[in-house]
Protein backbone atom coordinates (compact mmCIF):
# COMPACT_ATOMS: atom_id res chain seq x y z
CA MET A 1 83.10 81.77 88.48
CA LEU A 2 85.80 82.69 90.96
CA LYS A 3 86.50 85.98 92.66
CA CYS A 4 89.99 87.16 93.58
CA LYS A 5 90.50 89.46 96.57
CA LEU A 6 93.70 91.45 97.06
CA LEU A 7 94.49 91.41 100.78
CA LYS A 8 97.79 93.15 101.53
CA LEU A 9 100.72 94.85 99.83
CA HIS A 10 104.07 94.26 101.56
CA CYS A 11 107.13 96.47 100.98
CA TYR A 12 110.46 94.88 101.90
CA ILE A 13 112.80 97.22 100.00
CA SER A 14 111.59 100.51 98.52
CA ASP A 15 113.02 101.76 95.22
CA GLU A 16 113.57 105.22 96.71
CA SER A 17 113.72 106.38 100.36
CA ALA A 18 109.93 105.98 100.21
CA ASP A 19 107.92 104.88 97.19
CA GLU A 20 104.65 106.64 96.33
CA VAL A 21 102.83 103.58 95.05
CA PHE A 22 99.56 102.74 93.38
CA LEU A 23 98.18 99.60 91.73
CA LYS A 24 96.75 99.17 88.24
CA PHE A 25 94.81 96.36 86.60
CA ASN A 26 93.93 96.36 82.88
CA GLU A 27 95.39 99.88 82.55
CA LYS A 28 93.09 101.28 85.27
CA LYS A 29 94.13 102.43 88.73
CA ILE A 30 92.52 100.21 91.38
CA TRP A 31 94.27 101.38 94.57
CA PRO A 32 94.29 103.65 96.49
CA ALA A 33 90.77 104.83 95.71
CA ASP A 34 90.77 108.15 97.57
CA THR A 35 94.31 109.49 96.98
CA LYS A 36 96.88 109.51 94.16
CA TYR A 37 99.27 107.16 95.99
CA VAL A 38 100.33 105.65 99.31
CA GLU A 39 103.83 106.27 100.61
CA MET A 40 105.59 103.01 101.49
CA ASN A 41 108.99 102.01 102.81
CA THR A 42 109.33 98.61 104.49
CA ALA A 43 105.74 98.36 105.69
CA GLU A 44 102.48 96.73 104.71
CA GLU A 45 99.14 98.13 103.62
CA THR A 46 95.78 96.40 103.91
CA LEU A 47 93.99 96.46 100.55
CA ASN A 48 90.73 94.45 100.73
CA ILE A 49 90.06 94.90 97.00
CA GLU A 50 87.45 92.62 95.43
CA MET A 51 88.32 91.96 91.81
CA ALA A 52 85.79 91.07 89.11
CA GLU A 53 84.68 87.47 88.74
CA VAL A 54 86.92 85.35 86.51
CA GLU A 55 86.86 81.89 85.00
CA ALA A 56 89.03 79.19 86.59
CA ASP A 57 92.62 78.98 85.27
CA THR A 58 92.74 82.72 84.55
CA SER A 59 96.03 84.60 84.71
CA MET A 60 95.92 88.08 86.20
CA GLU A 61 98.59 90.76 86.31
CA ILE A 62 98.51 93.60 88.83
CA GLU A 63 100.98 96.42 88.11
CA LEU A 64 102.81 98.37 90.82
CA TRP A 65 103.58 101.99 89.92
CA ASP A 66 105.53 104.80 91.59
CA TYR A 67 103.84 108.21 91.33
CA ASP A 68 105.99 111.11 90.11
CA SER A 69 104.80 114.73 90.27
CA TRP A 70 107.10 116.25 87.64
CA SER A 71 107.87 113.34 85.32
CA PRO A 72 106.04 110.26 83.99
CA ASN A 73 105.11 107.67 86.61
CA ASP A 74 107.50 104.72 86.93
CA LYS A 75 106.31 101.13 86.59
CA LEU A 76 108.12 99.23 89.36
CA GLY A 77 106.93 95.83 88.21
CA VAL A 78 104.08 93.35 88.02
CA PHE A 79 102.50 90.71 90.24
CA LYS A 80 101.42 87.61 88.28
CA MET A 81 98.67 85.40 89.68
CA VAL A 82 96.97 82.28 88.36
CA VAL A 83 93.41 82.00 89.66
CA ASP A 84 92.80 78.26 89.43
CA GLY A 85 90.61 77.45 92.42
CA ARG A 86 89.36 78.65 95.76
CA GLY A 87 91.91 79.07 98.53
CA GLY A 88 94.63 81.18 99.99
CA PRO A 89 95.97 83.39 101.15
CA PHE A 90 98.61 83.23 98.44
CA THR A 91 101.63 85.47 97.93
CA SER A 92 103.04 86.75 94.63
CA ASP A 93 106.42 88.48 94.53
CA LEU A 94 106.95 91.54 92.38
CA ILE A 95 108.60 90.83 89.03
CA ARG A 96 110.68 93.99 88.81
CA GLU A 97 111.10 96.24 85.82
CA GLN A 98 114.67 96.69 84.64
CA GLY A 99 116.38 99.32 86.80
CA SER A 100 114.06 98.89 89.78
CA GLY A 101 115.54 97.78 93.10
CA ALA A 102 112.16 97.48 94.83
CA LYS A 103 111.04 94.28 96.58
CA TYR A 104 107.30 93.93 97.17
CA SER A 105 104.82 91.09 97.55
CA LEU A 106 101.06 90.94 97.12
CA GLU A 107 98.88 88.77 99.35
CA TRP A 108 95.61 87.52 97.80
CA GLU A 109 92.93 84.85 98.02
CA VAL A 110 90.27 83.28 95.83
CA HIS A 111 86.68 82.62 96.86
């Protein structure tokens, strides 16, 4: 069994003046744990999130969402990762949803 660890979230271009972002995996919010969102605009955030153990050659998708107070939250896109062996750090670029101008990357490793 392999374990994936999410290391850092990098914001290169925010969708708005500042995005209020959070991450989801399998329809559950995984970050941030203690607040609704983290405000980001061209910065990086350290994550250090240990994911559940997975079999080798497993595909994982981490969703990036923008929190909205008065309307439904906006899905900015998805990070796709193939966990096929120990190593890293690796980087996955955000595959944007239609209409999103955001550019993010996710740094991760497998151990």
